[in-house]
Amino acid sequence: MTTTKNNYILGIESSCDDTSAAVFCDDKVLSNIVATQDVHKQYGGVVPELASRAHQQHIVPVVDQALKKAGITKNDLSAIAFTRGPGLMGSLLVGSSFAKSLSLALEIPLIEVNHMQAHLLVHFINDTNSKPPKFPFLGVTISGGHTQIVKVKDYFDMEVIGETLDDAIGEAFDKCGKMFNLPYPAGPQIDKHSKLGDPKKFEFAKPNVKGLDFSFSGLKTSVLYFLQKQTKLNPNFIEENLNDLCASFQSKVVDILISKLNKAVKQTGIKQIAIGGGVSANSGIREALLEKQQNNQWNVFIPKFEYCTDNAAMIGIVGYLKFKQHLFTDLATASKARYAI
């Protein structure tokens, strides 16, 4: 009787301000450790230099904790996967340098991962859905740095069919949240306040962009001018109407996203929708997609909350998928701040 050897993959994520390490046994998560960086809150956004330094402090203890929680040692590892890009260059270099050094020391394969592909392939983790999406499906990456509609034909055969022409969706949340005097990151705060407000109280502009592309700068400008006008009449306008402002803004963002997805489904004939990225944790977006699933027979795939924001589990699953296909890289692989999906 022959027994199949377990493949243990270490995933490392360091593209922005979260240091994360995950251990997989084939396609199952054994551990997924994330160290967040609170230092950026006082600046209202991520400071790249501070992020890189924090990654250097966190990466060794985070990897150590991931291995311990998984119940294995570094010598049990079959391969190491790391985020090559896109992201902040200084942050990426910390993760890639650590991954390269460890793979060299252990003499095991090194696997590079595209961060945005990983946000969509997270749906293939064994505990994410009872059934992962079937190819082809429409992937929607919604985060602080990206807004894309992607036609996913196979694990590593993806085509961007729509993307933002200016601000990313998460950026729009943060910038408008700042106008509402909310702390960074503002996305979760807007989501929280919107549940207590009237989404039809205020009307903001909906950008008219051709095709499947997005634009959020017009919406942002609409909010800015509206607030300038109202606060002249009533200096306490924002404070007195915060819940309604958040609800109206979030409702408009959801409307923009769902409208483009409707168009993408009609254009491609694909009714499987899988979302990924930090903004996929937003309750308004999740509810709107589930409603479309009930009414339009869309098949919707929404990640668990812990797989929405940056984490190493999504890097680990891509590492496993590439490990099966022997898609390895070498020590000459350079990090890429911009990296097409």
C-alpha atoms as a PDB file:
ATOM      1  CA  MET A   1       0.000   0.000   0.000  1.00  0.00           C
ATOM      2  CA  THR A   2       1.448   3.363  -1.083  1.00  0.00           C
ATOM      3  CA  THR A   3       0.782   6.601   0.763  1.00  0.00           C
ATOM      4  CA  THR A   4       0.677   9.995  -0.937  1.00  0.00           C
ATOM      5  CA  LYS A   5       3.190  12.473   0.435  1.00  0.00           C
ATOM      6  CA  ASN A   6       1.681  15.673   1.815  1.00  0.00           C
ATOM      7  CA  ASN A   7       2.880  18.876   0.180  1.00  0.00           C
ATOM      8  CA  TYR A   8       3.454  21.697   2.658  1.00  0.00           C
ATOM      9  CA  ILE A   9       3.556  25.179   1.138  1.00  0.00           C
ATOM     10  CA  LEU A  10       4.588  28.330   3.001  1.00  0.00           C
ATOM     11  CA  GLY A  11       2.933  31.490   1.656  1.00  0.00           C
ATOM     12  CA  ILE A  12       4.371  34.946   2.391  1.00  0.00           C
ATOM     13  CA  GLU A  13       2.491  38.227   1.778  1.00  0.00           C
ATOM     14  CA  SER A  14       4.089  41.673   2.229  1.00  0.00           C
ATOM     15  CA  SER A  15       2.748  43.852  -0.582  1.00  0.00           C
ATOM     16  CA  CYS A  16       1.468  46.773   1.495  1.00  0.00           C
ATOM     17  CA  ASP A  17       1.071  47.181   5.268  1.00  0.00           C
ATOM     18  CA  ASP A  18       0.162  43.663   6.426  1.00  0.00           C
ATOM     19  CA  THR A  19       2.851  41.049   7.095  1.00  0.00           C
ATOM     20  CA  SER A  20       1.352  37.596   6.710  1.00  0.00           C
ATOM     21  CA  ALA A  21       2.451  33.956   6.550  1.00  0.00           C
ATOM     22  CA  ALA A  22       0.306  30.891   5.898  1.00  0.00           C
ATOM     23  CA  VAL A  23       1.023  27.176   5.791  1.00  0.00           C
ATOM     24  CA  PHE A  24      -0.901  24.853   3.483  1.00  0.00           C
ATOM     25  CA  CYS A  25      -1.127  21.092   3.346  1.00  0.00           C
ATOM     26  CA  ASP A  26      -2.011  20.746  -0.326  1.00  0.00           C
ATOM     27  CA  ASP A  27      -5.114  22.964  -0.761  1.00  0.00           C
ATOM     28  CA  LYS A  28      -6.038  23.174   2.933  1.00  0.00           C
ATOM     29  CA  VAL A  29      -5.058  26.033   5.281  1.00  0.00           C
ATOM     30  CA  LEU A  30      -3.212  24.911   8.404  1.00  0.00           C
ATOM     31  CA  SER A  31      -2.411  28.439   9.574  1.00  0.00           C
ATOM     32  CA  ASN A  32      -2.853  32.023   8.372  1.00  0.00           C
ATOM     33  CA  ILE A  33      -1.123  34.613  10.567  1.00  0.00           C
ATOM     34  CA  VAL A  34      -1.448  38.361   9.888  1.00  0.00           C
ATOM     35  CA  ALA A  35       0.432  41.184  11.650  1.00  0.00           C
ATOM     36  CA  THR A  36      -1.189  44.552  10.974  1.00  0.00           C
ATOM     37  CA  GLN A  37       0.545  47.930  11.220  1.00  0.00           C
ATOM     38  CA  ASP A  38      -1.295  50.561  13.296  1.00  0.00           C
ATOM     39  CA  VAL A  39       1.444  53.159  12.798  1.00  0.00           C
ATOM     40  CA  HIS A  40      -0.203  54.446   9.574  1.00  0.00           C
ATOM     41  CA  LYS A  41      -3.495  55.576  11.160  1.00  0.00           C
ATOM     42  CA  GLN A  42      -2.027  58.817  12.468  1.00  0.00           C
ATOM     43  CA  TYR A  43      -0.944  59.748   8.916  1.00  0.00           C
ATOM     44  CA  GLY A  44      -4.281  58.964   7.265  1.00  0.00           C
ATOM     45  CA  GLY A  45      -2.710  56.478   4.850  1.00  0.00           C
ATOM     46  CA  VAL A  46       0.137  54.020   4.359  1.00  0.00           C
ATOM     47  CA  VAL A  47       3.639  55.496   4.640  1.00  0.00           C
ATOM     48  CA  PRO A  48       5.861  53.219   2.456  1.00  0.00           C
ATOM     49  CA  GLU A  49       9.090  53.639   4.448  1.00  0.00           C
ATOM     50  CA  LEU A  50       7.352  52.875   7.759  1.00  0.00           C
ATOM     51  CA  ALA A  51       5.627  49.869   6.165  1.00  0.00           C
ATOM     52  CA  SER A  52       8.962  48.370   5.005  1.00  0.00           C
ATOM     53  CA  ARG A  53      10.525  48.757   8.450  1.00  0.00           C
ATOM     54  CA  ALA A  54       7.524  47.170  10.147  1.00  0.00           C
ATOM     55  CA  HIS A  55       7.696  44.202   7.716  1.00  0.00           C
ATOM     56  CA  GLN A  56      11.333  43.665   8.733  1.00  0.00           C
ATOM     57  CA  GLN A  57      10.308  43.549  12.382  1.00  0.00           C
ATOM     58  CA  HIS A  58       7.317  41.244  11.817  1.00  0.00           C
ATOM     59  CA  ILE A  59       8.345  38.726   9.180  1.00  0.00           C
ATOM     60  CA  VAL A  60      10.457  36.322  11.272  1.00  0.00           C
ATOM     61  CA  PRO A  61       7.992  36.030  14.211  1.00  0.00           C
ATOM     62  CA  VAL A  62       5.008  35.801  11.834  1.00  0.00           C
ATOM     63  CA  VAL A  63       6.546  32.924   9.834  1.00  0.00           C
ATOM     64  CA  ASP A  64       7.622  31.216  13.063  1.00  0.00           C
ATOM     65  CA  GLN A  65       4.088  31.474  14.453  1.00  0.00           C
ATOM     66  CA  ALA A  66       2.559  30.153  11.201  1.00  0.00           C
ATOM     67  CA  LEU A  67       4.812  27.076  11.265  1.00  0.00           C
ATOM     68  CA  LYS A  68       4.095  26.413  14.951  1.00  0.00           C
ATOM     69  CA  LYS A  69       0.334  26.745  14.510  1.00  0.00           C
ATOM     70  CA  ALA A  70       0.492  24.377  11.523  1.00  0.00           C
ATOM     71  CA  GLY A  71       2.337  21.843  13.670  1.00  0.00           C
ATOM     72  CA  ILE A  72       5.310  21.495  11.327  1.00  0.00           C
ATOM     73  CA  THR A  73       8.922  22.684  11.136  1.00  0.00           C
ATOM     74  CA  LYS A  74      10.628  24.515   8.279  1.00  0.00           C
ATOM     75  CA  ASN A  75      12.264  21.233   7.255  1.00  0.00           C
ATOM     76  CA  ASP A  76       8.825  19.791   6.390  1.00  0.00           C
ATOM     77  CA  LEU A  77       8.177  22.471   3.764  1.00  0.00           C
ATOM     78  CA  SER A  78       7.912  21.462   0.090  1.00  0.00           C
ATOM     79  CA  ALA A  79       8.045  24.971  -1.407  1.00  0.00           C
ATOM     80  CA  ILE A  80       7.817  28.681  -0.565  1.00  0.00           C
ATOM     81  CA  ALA A  81       5.449  31.079  -2.339  1.00  0.00           C
ATOM     82  CA  PHE A  82       5.778  34.867  -2.058  1.00  0.00           C
ATOM     83  CA  THR A  83       4.103  37.986  -3.440  1.00  0.00           C
ATOM     84  CA  ARG A  84       6.163  39.314  -6.325  1.00  0.00           C
ATOM     85  CA  GLY A  85       3.823  42.263  -6.989  1.00  0.00           C
ATOM     86  CA  PRO A  86       1.993  44.535  -7.428  1.00  0.00           C
ATOM     87  CA  GLY A  87       2.543  46.586  -4.266  1.00  0.00           C
ATOM     88  CA  LEU A  88       4.917  48.939  -2.480  1.00  0.00           C
ATOM     89  CA  MET A  89       8.443  48.140  -3.633  1.00  0.00           C
ATOM     90  CA  GLY A  90      10.069  48.370  -0.190  1.00  0.00           C
ATOM     91  CA  SER A  91       7.432  46.098   1.327  1.00  0.00           C
ATOM     92  CA  LEU A  92       7.669  43.566  -1.517  1.00  0.00           C
ATOM     93  CA  LEU A  93      11.449  43.363  -1.151  1.00  0.00           C
ATOM     94  CA  VAL A  94      11.208  42.308   2.497  1.00  0.00           C
ATOM     95  CA  GLY A  95       8.934  39.354   1.670  1.00  0.00           C
ATOM     96  CA  SER A  96      10.798  38.308  -1.481  1.00  0.00           C
ATOM     97  CA  SER A  97      14.237  38.504   0.177  1.00  0.00           C
ATOM     98  CA  PHE A  98      13.065  36.381   3.100  1.00  0.00           C
ATOM     99  CA  ALA A  99      11.415  33.812   0.792  1.00  0.00           C
ATOM    100  CA  LYS A 100      14.498  33.571  -1.442  1.00  0.00           C
ATOM    101  CA  SER A 101      16.853  33.147   1.521  1.00  0.00           C
ATOM    102  CA  LEU A 102      14.718  30.425   3.104  1.00  0.00           C
ATOM    103  CA  SER A 103      14.237  28.505  -0.145  1.00  0.00           C
ATOM    104  CA  LEU A 104      17.999  28.651  -0.760  1.00  0.00           C
ATOM    105  CA  ALA A 105      18.798  27.449   2.761  1.00  0.00           C
ATOM    106  CA  LEU A 106      16.241  24.615   2.644  1.00  0.00           C
ATOM    107  CA  GLU A 107      16.972  23.776  -1.021  1.00  0.00           C
ATOM    108  CA  ILE A 108      13.272  23.782  -1.934  1.00  0.00           C
ATOM    109  CA  PRO A 109      11.422  25.400  -4.872  1.00  0.00           C
ATOM    110  CA  LEU A 110      10.528  29.094  -4.916  1.00  0.00           C
ATOM    111  CA  ILE A 111       7.178  30.234  -6.360  1.00  0.00           C
ATOM    112  CA  GLU A 112       6.314  33.828  -7.308  1.00  0.00           C
ATOM    113  CA  VAL A 113       2.693  34.988  -7.008  1.00  0.00           C
ATOM    114  CA  ASN A 114       0.760  37.846  -8.584  1.00  0.00           C
ATOM    115  CA  HIS A 115      -1.126  39.494  -5.708  1.00  0.00           C
ATOM    116  CA  MET A 116      -4.205  40.335  -7.826  1.00  0.00           C
ATOM    117  CA  GLN A 117      -4.474  36.806  -9.260  1.00  0.00           C
ATOM    118  CA  ALA A 118      -4.310  35.548  -5.689  1.00  0.00           C
ATOM    119  CA  HIS A 119      -7.315  37.657  -4.642  1.00  0.00           C
ATOM    120  CA  LEU A 120      -9.379  35.719  -7.202  1.00  0.00           C
ATOM    121  CA  LEU A 121      -7.822  32.285  -6.752  1.00  0.00           C
ATOM    122  CA  VAL A 122      -8.533  32.433  -2.996  1.00  0.00           C
ATOM    123  CA  HIS A 123     -11.861  30.797  -3.912  1.00  0.00           C
ATOM    124  CA  PHE A 124     -10.001  27.541  -4.560  1.00  0.00           C
ATOM    125  CA  ILE A 125      -8.950  27.123  -0.927  1.00  0.00           C
ATOM    126  CA  ASN A 126     -10.548  23.921   0.292  1.00  0.00           C
ATOM    127  CA  ASP A 127     -12.527  25.617   3.064  1.00  0.00           C
ATOM    128  CA  THR A 128     -13.721  28.667   1.122  1.00  0.00           C
ATOM    129  CA  ASN A 129     -16.675  27.274  -0.816  1.00  0.00           C
ATOM    130  CA  SER A 130     -18.190  23.832  -1.007  1.00  0.00           C
ATOM    131  CA  LYS A 131     -17.683  24.174  -4.765  1.00  0.00           C
ATOM    132  CA  PRO A 132     -15.178  26.637  -6.278  1.00  0.00           C
ATOM    133  CA  PRO A 133     -16.159  28.582  -9.427  1.00  0.00           C
ATOM    134  CA  LYS A 134     -15.879  26.752 -12.740  1.00  0.00           C
ATOM    135  CA  PHE A 135     -13.936  28.223 -15.637  1.00  0.00           C
ATOM    136  CA  PRO A 136     -14.656  30.614 -17.192  1.00  0.00           C
ATOM    137  CA  PHE A 137     -15.875  33.043 -14.512  1.00  0.00           C
ATOM    138  CA  LEU A 138     -15.858  36.804 -14.002  1.00  0.00           C
ATOM    139  CA  GLY A 139     -13.461  37.884 -11.277  1.00  0.00           C
ATOM    140  CA  VAL A 140     -13.940  41.273  -9.630  1.00  0.00           C
ATOM    141  CA  THR A 141     -10.925  42.701  -7.774  1.00  0.00           C
ATOM    142  CA  ILE A 142     -11.990  45.536  -5.480  1.00  0.00           C
ATOM    143  CA  SER A 143      -9.370  46.994  -3.150  1.00  0.00           C
ATOM    144  CA  GLY A 144      -7.548  50.164  -2.128  1.00  0.00           C
ATOM    145  CA  GLY A 145      -5.339  49.990  -5.203  1.00  0.00           C
ATOM    146  CA  HIS A 146      -7.410  48.153  -7.817  1.00  0.00           C
ATOM    147  CA  THR A 147     -10.856  47.913  -9.387  1.00  0.00           C
ATOM    148  CA  GLN A 148     -10.978  45.368 -12.194  1.00  0.00           C
ATOM    149  CA  ILE A 149     -13.376  43.028 -13.951  1.00  0.00           C
ATOM    150  CA  VAL A 150     -11.379  40.002 -15.081  1.00  0.00           C
ATOM    151  CA  LYS A 151     -12.376  37.156 -17.386  1.00  0.00           C
ATOM    152  CA  VAL A 152     -10.803  34.115 -15.727  1.00  0.00           C
ATOM    153  CA  LYS A 153     -10.382  31.323 -18.296  1.00  0.00           C
ATOM    154  CA  ASP A 154      -8.044  29.135 -16.225  1.00  0.00           C
ATOM    155  CA  TYR A 155      -5.951  29.418 -13.067  1.00  0.00           C
ATOM    156  CA  PHE A 156      -3.283  31.489 -14.789  1.00  0.00           C
ATOM    157  CA  ASP A 157      -5.130  32.634 -17.913  1.00  0.00           C
ATOM    158  CA  MET A 158      -6.835  35.914 -17.039  1.00  0.00           C
ATOM    159  CA  GLU A 159      -7.924  38.886 -19.142  1.00  0.00           C
ATOM    160  CA  VAL A 160      -8.824  42.313 -17.726  1.00  0.00           C
ATOM    161  CA  ILE A 161     -12.000  43.451 -19.517  1.00  0.00           C
ATOM    162  CA  GLY A 162     -12.736  46.499 -17.346  1.00  0.00           C
ATOM    163  CA  GLU A 163     -10.789  48.614 -14.857  1.00  0.00           C
ATOM    164  CA  THR A 164     -10.772  51.993 -13.151  1.00  0.00           C
ATOM    165  CA  LEU A 165      -9.540  54.965 -15.145  1.00  0.00           C
ATOM    166  CA  ASP A 166      -8.629  56.916 -11.998  1.00  0.00           C
ATOM    167  CA  ASP A 167      -9.260  56.089  -8.322  1.00  0.00           C
ATOM    168  CA  ALA A 168      -9.687  52.530  -7.084  1.00  0.00           C
ATOM    169  CA  ILE A 169     -12.912  51.757  -5.228  1.00  0.00           C
ATOM    170  CA  GLY A 170     -11.142  51.479  -1.858  1.00  0.00           C
ATOM    171  CA  GLU A 171      -9.403  54.797  -2.496  1.00  0.00           C
ATOM    172  CA  ALA A 172     -12.811  56.426  -3.099  1.00  0.00           C
ATOM    173  CA  PHE A 173     -14.042  55.054   0.248  1.00  0.00           C
ATOM    174  CA  ASP A 174     -10.968  56.381   2.082  1.00  0.00           C
ATOM    175  CA  LYS A 175     -10.983  59.823   0.449  1.00  0.00           C
ATOM    176  CA  CYS A 176     -14.712  60.391   0.944  1.00  0.00           C
ATOM    177  CA  GLY A 177     -14.422  58.999   4.472  1.00  0.00           C
ATOM    178  CA  LYS A 178     -11.821  61.678   5.146  1.00  0.00           C
ATOM    179  CA  MET A 179     -14.336  64.287   3.958  1.00  0.00           C
ATOM    180  CA  PHE A 180     -16.816  62.780   6.434  1.00  0.00           C
ATOM    181  CA  ASN A 181     -14.158  63.218   9.188  1.00  0.00           C
ATOM    182  CA  LEU A 182     -13.821  59.458   9.644  1.00  0.00           C
ATOM    183  CA  PRO A 183     -10.501  57.845  10.686  1.00  0.00           C
ATOM    184  CA  TYR A 184      -8.312  55.850   8.267  1.00  0.00           C
ATOM    185  CA  PRO A 185      -9.094  53.289   6.949  1.00  0.00           C
ATOM    186  CA  ALA A 186     -12.547  54.744   6.306  1.00  0.00           C
ATOM    187  CA  GLY A 187     -14.124  51.861   4.350  1.00  0.00           C
ATOM    188  CA  PRO A 188     -15.245  49.805   7.385  1.00  0.00           C
ATOM    189  CA  GLN A 189     -16.440  53.017   9.123  1.00  0.00           C
ATOM    190  CA  ILE A 190     -18.601  54.048   6.151  1.00  0.00           C
ATOM    191  CA  ASP A 191     -20.028  50.519   6.013  1.00  0.00           C
ATOM    192  CA  LYS A 192     -20.886  50.649   9.726  1.00  0.00           C
ATOM    193  CA  HIS A 193     -22.564  54.080   9.571  1.00  0.00           C
ATOM    194  CA  SER A 194     -24.413  53.250   6.329  1.00  0.00           C
ATOM    195  CA  LYS A 195     -26.396  50.535   8.132  1.00  0.00           C
ATOM    196  CA  LEU A 196     -27.967  53.279  10.286  1.00  0.00           C
ATOM    197  CA  GLY A 197     -28.681  55.744   7.449  1.00  0.00           C
ATOM    198  CA  ASP A 198     -31.049  56.350   4.525  1.00  0.00           C
ATOM    199  CA  PRO A 199     -29.342  55.419   1.219  1.00  0.00           C
ATOM    200  CA  LYS A 200     -31.772  57.657  -0.727  1.00  0.00           C
ATOM    201  CA  LYS A 201     -31.367  60.778   1.405  1.00  0.00           C
ATOM    202  CA  PHE A 202     -28.666  62.408  -0.769  1.00  0.00           C
ATOM    203  CA  GLU A 203     -28.043  62.003  -4.487  1.00  0.00           C
ATOM    204  CA  PHE A 204     -24.450  61.934  -5.718  1.00  0.00           C
ATOM    205  CA  ALA A 205     -23.223  61.858  -9.330  1.00  0.00           C
ATOM    206  CA  LYS A 206     -22.912  58.541 -11.157  1.00  0.00           C
ATOM    207  CA  PRO A 207     -20.029  58.705 -13.676  1.00  0.00           C
ATOM    208  CA  ASN A 208     -20.935  57.860 -17.272  1.00  0.00           C
ATOM    209  CA  VAL A 209     -18.003  55.741 -18.468  1.00  0.00           C
ATOM    210  CA  LYS A 210     -18.123  53.716 -21.681  1.00  0.00           C
ATOM    211  CA  GLY A 211     -17.717  49.955 -21.752  1.00  0.00           C
ATOM    212  CA  LEU A 212     -16.771  48.062 -18.625  1.00  0.00           C
ATOM    213  CA  ASP A 213     -14.342  50.643 -17.215  1.00  0.00           C
ATOM    214  CA  PHE A 214     -14.908  52.511 -13.953  1.00  0.00           C
ATOM    215  CA  SER A 215     -14.351  56.054 -12.726  1.00  0.00           C
ATOM    216  CA  PHE A 216     -14.719  57.176  -9.119  1.00  0.00           C
ATOM    217  CA  SER A 217     -13.144  60.657  -9.324  1.00  0.00           C
ATOM    218  CA  GLY A 218     -16.433  62.226 -10.474  1.00  0.00           C
ATOM    219  CA  LEU A 219     -18.310  60.701  -7.547  1.00  0.00           C
ATOM    220  CA  LYS A 220     -15.610  61.942  -5.170  1.00  0.00           C
ATOM    221  CA  THR A 221     -15.833  65.472  -6.629  1.00  0.00           C
ATOM    222  CA  SER A 222     -19.630  65.365  -6.377  1.00  0.00           C
ATOM    223  CA  VAL A 223     -19.387  64.537  -2.663  1.00  0.00           C
ATOM    224  CA  LEU A 224     -16.782  67.294  -2.123  1.00  0.00           C
ATOM    225  CA  TYR A 225     -18.868  70.072  -3.761  1.00  0.00           C
ATOM    226  CA  PHE A 226     -22.028  68.915  -2.011  1.00  0.00           C
ATOM    227  CA  LEU A 227     -20.335  69.037   1.405  1.00  0.00           C
ATOM    228  CA  GLN A 228     -18.768  72.445   0.710  1.00  0.00           C
ATOM    229  CA  LYS A 229     -22.198  73.858  -0.151  1.00  0.00           C
ATOM    230  CA  GLN A 230     -23.980  72.303   2.831  1.00  0.00           C
ATOM    231  CA  THR A 231     -21.342  73.140   5.470  1.00  0.00           C
ATOM    232  CA  LYS A 232     -21.506  76.829   4.452  1.00  0.00           C
ATOM    233  CA  LEU A 233     -25.191  76.771   5.385  1.00  0.00           C
ATOM    234  CA  ASN A 234     -24.698  74.545   8.442  1.00  0.00           C
ATOM    235  CA  PRO A 235     -21.197  73.992   9.895  1.00  0.00           C
ATOM    236  CA  ASN A 236     -22.463  70.881  11.722  1.00  0.00           C
ATOM    237  CA  PHE A 237     -24.011  69.330   8.589  1.00  0.00           C
ATOM    238  CA  ILE A 238     -21.587  66.365   8.352  1.00  0.00           C
ATOM    239  CA  GLU A 239     -21.862  65.452  12.015  1.00  0.00           C
ATOM    240  CA  GLU A 240     -25.664  65.727  11.994  1.00  0.00           C
ATOM    241  CA  ASN A 241     -26.100  63.701   8.782  1.00  0.00           C
ATOM    242  CA  LEU A 242     -23.176  61.254   8.983  1.00  0.00           C
ATOM    243  CA  ASN A 243     -25.216  58.043   8.772  1.00  0.00           C
ATOM    244  CA  ASP A 244     -27.251  59.274   5.788  1.00  0.00           C
ATOM    245  CA  LEU A 245     -24.117  60.577   4.027  1.00  0.00           C
ATOM    246  CA  CYS A 246     -22.380  57.203   4.430  1.00  0.00           C
ATOM    247  CA  ALA A 247     -25.470  55.277   3.314  1.00  0.00           C
ATOM    248  CA  SER A 248     -26.002  57.491   0.250  1.00  0.00           C
ATOM    249  CA  PHE A 249     -22.344  57.310  -0.772  1.00  0.00           C
ATOM    250  CA  GLN A 250     -22.105  53.528  -0.302  1.00  0.00           C
ATOM    251  CA  SER A 251     -25.367  53.000  -2.175  1.00  0.00           C
ATOM    252  CA  LYS A 252     -23.976  54.918  -5.163  1.00  0.00           C
ATOM    253  CA  VAL A 253     -20.718  52.914  -5.154  1.00  0.00           C
ATOM    254  CA  VAL A 254     -22.686  49.654  -5.080  1.00  0.00           C
ATOM    255  CA  ASP A 255     -24.908  50.925  -7.918  1.00  0.00           C
ATOM    256  CA  ILE A 256     -21.832  51.731 -10.058  1.00  0.00           C
ATOM    257  CA  LEU A 257     -20.313  48.281  -9.430  1.00  0.00           C
ATOM    258  CA  ILE A 258     -23.506  46.272 -10.052  1.00  0.00           C
ATOM    259  CA  SER A 259     -24.310  48.266 -13.230  1.00  0.00           C
ATOM    260  CA  LYS A 260     -20.918  47.375 -14.718  1.00  0.00           C
ATOM    261  CA  LEU A 261     -21.301  43.738 -13.697  1.00  0.00           C
ATOM    262  CA  ASN A 262     -24.715  43.589 -15.359  1.00  0.00           C
ATOM    263  CA  LYS A 263     -23.078  44.855 -18.541  1.00  0.00           C
ATOM    264  CA  ALA A 264     -20.188  42.369 -18.225  1.00  0.00           C
ATOM    265  CA  VAL A 265     -22.579  39.418 -17.792  1.00  0.00           C
ATOM    266  CA  LYS A 266     -24.558  40.477 -20.893  1.00  0.00           C
ATOM    267  CA  GLN A 267     -21.378  41.027 -22.912  1.00  0.00           C
ATOM    268  CA  THR A 268     -19.664  37.743 -22.001  1.00  0.00           C
ATOM    269  CA  GLY A 269     -22.615  35.467 -21.221  1.00  0.00           C
ATOM    270  CA  ILE A 270     -20.763  34.386 -18.059  1.00  0.00           C
ATOM    271  CA  LYS A 271     -22.976  34.340 -14.968  1.00  0.00           C
ATOM    272  CA  GLN A 272     -20.425  33.182 -12.417  1.00  0.00           C
ATOM    273  CA  ILE A 273     -19.130  36.138 -10.381  1.00  0.00           C
ATOM    274  CA  ALA A 274     -16.244  35.825  -7.889  1.00  0.00           C
ATOM    275  CA  ILE A 275     -15.128  38.867  -5.886  1.00  0.00           C
ATOM    276  CA  GLY A 276     -11.842  39.451  -4.086  1.00  0.00           C
ATOM    277  CA  GLY A 277      -9.881  42.197  -2.349  1.00  0.00           C
ATOM    278  CA  GLY A 278     -10.341  44.264   0.792  1.00  0.00           C
ATOM    279  CA  VAL A 279     -13.544  45.986  -0.362  1.00  0.00           C
ATOM    280  CA  SER A 280     -15.229  42.600  -0.882  1.00  0.00           C
ATOM    281  CA  ALA A 281     -15.740  42.673   2.899  1.00  0.00           C
ATOM    282  CA  ASN A 282     -18.224  45.545   2.406  1.00  0.00           C
ATOM    283  CA  SER A 283     -21.717  44.459   3.503  1.00  0.00           C
ATOM    284  CA  GLY A 284     -23.519  46.575   0.889  1.00  0.00           C
ATOM    285  CA  ILE A 285     -21.609  44.948  -1.978  1.00  0.00           C
ATOM    286  CA  ARG A 286     -22.059  41.449  -0.538  1.00  0.00           C
ATOM    287  CA  GLU A 287     -25.814  41.942  -0.073  1.00  0.00           C
ATOM    288  CA  ALA A 288     -26.273  43.390  -3.581  1.00  0.00           C
ATOM    289  CA  LEU A 289     -24.458  40.419  -5.152  1.00  0.00           C
ATOM    290  CA  LEU A 290     -26.471  37.873  -3.159  1.00  0.00           C
ATOM    291  CA  GLU A 291     -29.661  39.648  -4.219  1.00  0.00           C
ATOM    292  CA  LYS A 292     -28.593  39.376  -7.869  1.00  0.00           C
ATOM    293  CA  GLN A 293     -27.943  35.674  -7.299  1.00  0.00           C
ATOM    294  CA  GLN A 294     -31.509  35.183  -6.083  1.00  0.00           C
ATOM    295  CA  ASN A 295     -33.128  37.295  -8.820  1.00  0.00           C
ATOM    296  CA  ASN A 296     -30.966  36.775 -11.897  1.00  0.00           C
ATOM    297  CA  GLN A 297     -29.596  33.276 -11.366  1.00  0.00           C
ATOM    298  CA  TRP A 298     -26.048  34.576 -11.058  1.00  0.00           C
ATOM    299  CA  ASN A 299     -23.741  32.182  -9.265  1.00  0.00           C
ATOM    300  CA  VAL A 300     -21.890  34.380  -6.777  1.00  0.00           C
ATOM    301  CA  PHE A 301     -18.689  33.516  -4.897  1.00  0.00           C
ATOM    302  CA  ILE A 302     -17.836  35.710  -1.901  1.00  0.00           C
ATOM    303  CA  PRO A 303     -14.677  35.038   0.149  1.00  0.00           C
ATOM    304  CA  LYS A 304     -14.625  34.609   3.918  1.00  0.00           C
ATOM    305  CA  PHE A 305     -13.841  37.866   5.708  1.00  0.00           C
ATOM    306  CA  GLU A 306     -10.327  36.713   6.669  1.00  0.00           C
ATOM    307  CA  TYR A 307      -9.528  36.145   2.977  1.00  0.00           C
ATOM    308  CA  CYS A 308     -10.745  39.590   1.802  1.00  0.00           C
ATOM    309  CA  THR A 309      -7.971  41.833   3.099  1.00  0.00           C
ATOM    310  CA  ASP A 310      -4.327  41.073   2.317  1.00  0.00           C
ATOM    311  CA  ASN A 311      -3.344  37.694   3.767  1.00  0.00           C
ATOM    312  CA  ALA A 312      -0.908  34.872   3.015  1.00  0.00           C
ATOM    313  CA  ALA A 313      -3.583  32.196   2.574  1.00  0.00           C
ATOM    314  CA  MET A 314      -4.307  33.569  -0.887  1.00  0.00           C
ATOM    315  CA  ILE A 315      -0.591  33.423  -1.681  1.00  0.00           C
ATOM    316  CA  GLY A 316      -0.389  29.875  -0.334  1.00  0.00           C
ATOM    317  CA  ILE A 317      -3.231  28.534  -2.502  1.00  0.00           C
ATOM    318  CA  VAL A 318      -1.611  29.994  -5.634  1.00  0.00           C
ATOM    319  CA  GLY A 319       1.665  28.447  -4.460  1.00  0.00           C
ATOM    320  CA  TYR A 320      -0.011  25.048  -4.241  1.00  0.00           C
ATOM    321  CA  LEU A 321      -1.664  25.404  -7.686  1.00  0.00           C
ATOM    322  CA  LYS A 322       1.696  26.378  -9.237  1.00  0.00           C
ATOM    323  CA  PHE A 323       3.526  23.650  -7.285  1.00  0.00           C
ATOM    324  CA  LYS A 324       1.287  21.017  -8.902  1.00  0.00           C
ATOM    325  CA  GLN A 325       2.237  22.383 -12.335  1.00  0.00           C
ATOM    326  CA  HIS A 326       5.947  22.788 -11.426  1.00  0.00           C
ATOM    327  CA  LEU A 327       5.736  26.536 -12.151  1.00  0.00           C
ATOM    328  CA  PHE A 328       8.806  27.535 -10.156  1.00  0.00           C
ATOM    329  CA  THR A 329      10.927  30.676 -10.269  1.00  0.00           C
ATOM    330  CA  ASP A 330      14.558  31.422  -9.358  1.00  0.00           C
ATOM    331  CA  LEU A 331      16.559  33.817  -7.216  1.00  0.00           C
ATOM    332  CA  ALA A 332      16.892  36.306 -10.093  1.00  0.00           C
ATOM    333  CA  THR A 333      13.151  37.089  -9.985  1.00  0.00           C
ATOM    334  CA  ALA A 334      12.715  40.791  -9.180  1.00  0.00           C
ATOM    335  CA  SER A 335       9.821  42.332  -7.275  1.00  0.00           C
ATOM    336  CA  LYS A 336       7.440  44.436  -9.379  1.00  0.00           C
ATOM    337  CA  ALA A 337       5.529  47.447  -7.994  1.00  0.00           C
ATOM    338  CA  ARG A 338       3.296  47.232 -11.089  1.00  0.00           C
ATOM    339  CA  TYR A 339       2.416  43.725 -12.200  1.00  0.00           C
ATOM    340  CA  ALA A 340      -0.315  43.028 -14.759  1.00  0.00           C
ATOM    341  CA  ILE A 341      -2.746  40.284 -13.855  1.00  0.00           C
END
